[in-house]
Amino acid sequence: MVTETLTSSTSKTVATKTAQINNQPFAIVPGETILSFVRRYKGKDAVPTLSTASPAKHHV
């Protein structure tokens, strides 16, 4: 779930978007991918990718 919060100050209104990981809100950086978002908050190894996964065994 992504939510948007508007914060008003004396000169401008700033929109902050957040997403939740395990029901905890975290700020989203504009243009950020889901993978980089999760890695930023949960660490580099939080989401395995094909390049980081152990080699698959080929069955013939």
C-alpha atoms as a PDB file:
ATOM      1  CA  MET A   1       0.000   0.000   0.000  1.00  0.00           C
ATOM      2  CA  VAL A   2       1.321   3.415  -0.944  1.00  0.00           C
ATOM      3  CA  THR A   3       0.003   6.467   0.861  1.00  0.00           C
ATOM      4  CA  GLU A   4       0.588  10.147   0.262  1.00  0.00           C
ATOM      5  CA  THR A   5       0.794  12.668   3.081  1.00  0.00           C
ATOM      6  CA  LEU A   6       0.584  16.407   2.463  1.00  0.00           C
ATOM      7  CA  THR A   7       2.542  18.576   4.853  1.00  0.00           C
ATOM      8  CA  SER A   8       1.896  22.304   4.808  1.00  0.00           C
ATOM      9  CA  SER A   9       4.471  24.843   5.911  1.00  0.00           C
ATOM     10  CA  THR A  10       4.444  28.625   5.667  1.00  0.00           C
ATOM     11  CA  SER A  11       5.709  28.678   2.076  1.00  0.00           C
ATOM     12  CA  LYS A  12       4.786  25.403   0.377  1.00  0.00           C
ATOM     13  CA  THR A  13       3.031  22.045   0.559  1.00  0.00           C
ATOM     14  CA  VAL A  14       5.212  18.943   0.354  1.00  0.00           C
ATOM     15  CA  ALA A  15       3.860  15.518  -0.619  1.00  0.00           C
ATOM     16  CA  THR A  16       5.539  12.533   1.006  1.00  0.00           C
ATOM     17  CA  LYS A  17       4.763   9.069  -0.310  1.00  0.00           C
ATOM     18  CA  THR A  18       5.220   6.053   1.919  1.00  0.00           C
ATOM     19  CA  ALA A  19       4.992   2.301   1.462  1.00  0.00           C
ATOM     20  CA  GLN A  20       4.694  -0.347   4.148  1.00  0.00           C
ATOM     21  CA  ILE A  21       6.949  -3.281   4.923  1.00  0.00           C
ATOM     22  CA  ASN A  22       5.490  -5.537   7.637  1.00  0.00           C
ATOM     23  CA  ASN A  23       2.936  -2.832   8.505  1.00  0.00           C
ATOM     24  CA  GLN A  24       5.622  -0.186   9.096  1.00  0.00           C
ATOM     25  CA  PRO A  25       5.623   2.940   6.889  1.00  0.00           C
ATOM     26  CA  PHE A  26       8.806   3.953   5.046  1.00  0.00           C
ATOM     27  CA  ALA A  27       9.382   6.977   2.789  1.00  0.00           C
ATOM     28  CA  ILE A  28       9.640   6.401  -0.957  1.00  0.00           C
ATOM     29  CA  VAL A  29      12.272   8.238  -2.984  1.00  0.00           C
ATOM     30  CA  PRO A  30      10.833   9.494  -6.308  1.00  0.00           C
ATOM     31  CA  GLY A  31      11.914   7.242  -9.193  1.00  0.00           C
ATOM     32  CA  GLU A  32      13.018   4.449  -6.864  1.00  0.00           C
ATOM     33  CA  THR A  33      12.376   0.821  -7.841  1.00  0.00           C
ATOM     34  CA  ILE A  34      10.684  -1.658  -5.519  1.00  0.00           C
ATOM     35  CA  LEU A  35      13.942  -3.605  -5.310  1.00  0.00           C
ATOM     36  CA  SER A  36      16.024  -0.581  -4.299  1.00  0.00           C
ATOM     37  CA  PHE A  37      13.318   0.524  -1.829  1.00  0.00           C
ATOM     38  CA  VAL A  38      13.327  -2.822   0.008  1.00  0.00           C
ATOM     39  CA  ARG A  39      17.128  -3.095  -0.080  1.00  0.00           C
ATOM     40  CA  ARG A  40      17.500   0.423   1.350  1.00  0.00           C
ATOM     41  CA  TYR A  41      15.433  -0.430   4.411  1.00  0.00           C
ATOM     42  CA  LYS A  42      15.974  -4.173   4.821  1.00  0.00           C
ATOM     43  CA  GLY A  43      19.484  -4.688   3.465  1.00  0.00           C
ATOM     44  CA  LYS A  44      21.173  -5.839   0.288  1.00  0.00           C
ATOM     45  CA  ASP A  45      20.323  -9.519   0.787  1.00  0.00           C
ATOM     46  CA  ALA A  46      16.645  -9.006   1.672  1.00  0.00           C
ATOM     47  CA  VAL A  47      15.437  -9.890  -1.834  1.00  0.00           C
ATOM     48  CA  PRO A  48      17.354 -12.558  -3.751  1.00  0.00           C
ATOM     49  CA  THR A  49      17.814 -11.975  -7.467  1.00  0.00           C
ATOM     50  CA  LEU A  50      19.029 -14.278 -10.226  1.00  0.00           C
ATOM     51  CA  SER A  51      22.477 -12.706 -10.122  1.00  0.00           C
ATOM     52  CA  THR A  52      22.806 -13.306  -6.357  1.00  0.00           C
ATOM     53  CA  ALA A  53      21.037 -16.666  -6.095  1.00  0.00           C
ATOM     54  CA  SER A  54      23.049 -19.847  -5.961  1.00  0.00           C
ATOM     55  CA  PRO A  55      23.472 -21.555  -9.341  1.00  0.00           C
ATOM     56  CA  ALA A  56      20.573 -23.776 -10.313  1.00  0.00           C
ATOM     57  CA  LYS A  57      21.198 -27.410 -11.070  1.00  0.00           C
ATOM     58  CA  HIS A  58      20.397 -28.356 -14.632  1.00  0.00           C
ATOM     59  CA  HIS A  59      18.527 -31.605 -15.036  1.00  0.00           C
ATOM     60  CA  VAL A  60      18.686 -33.285 -18.402  1.00  0.00           C
END
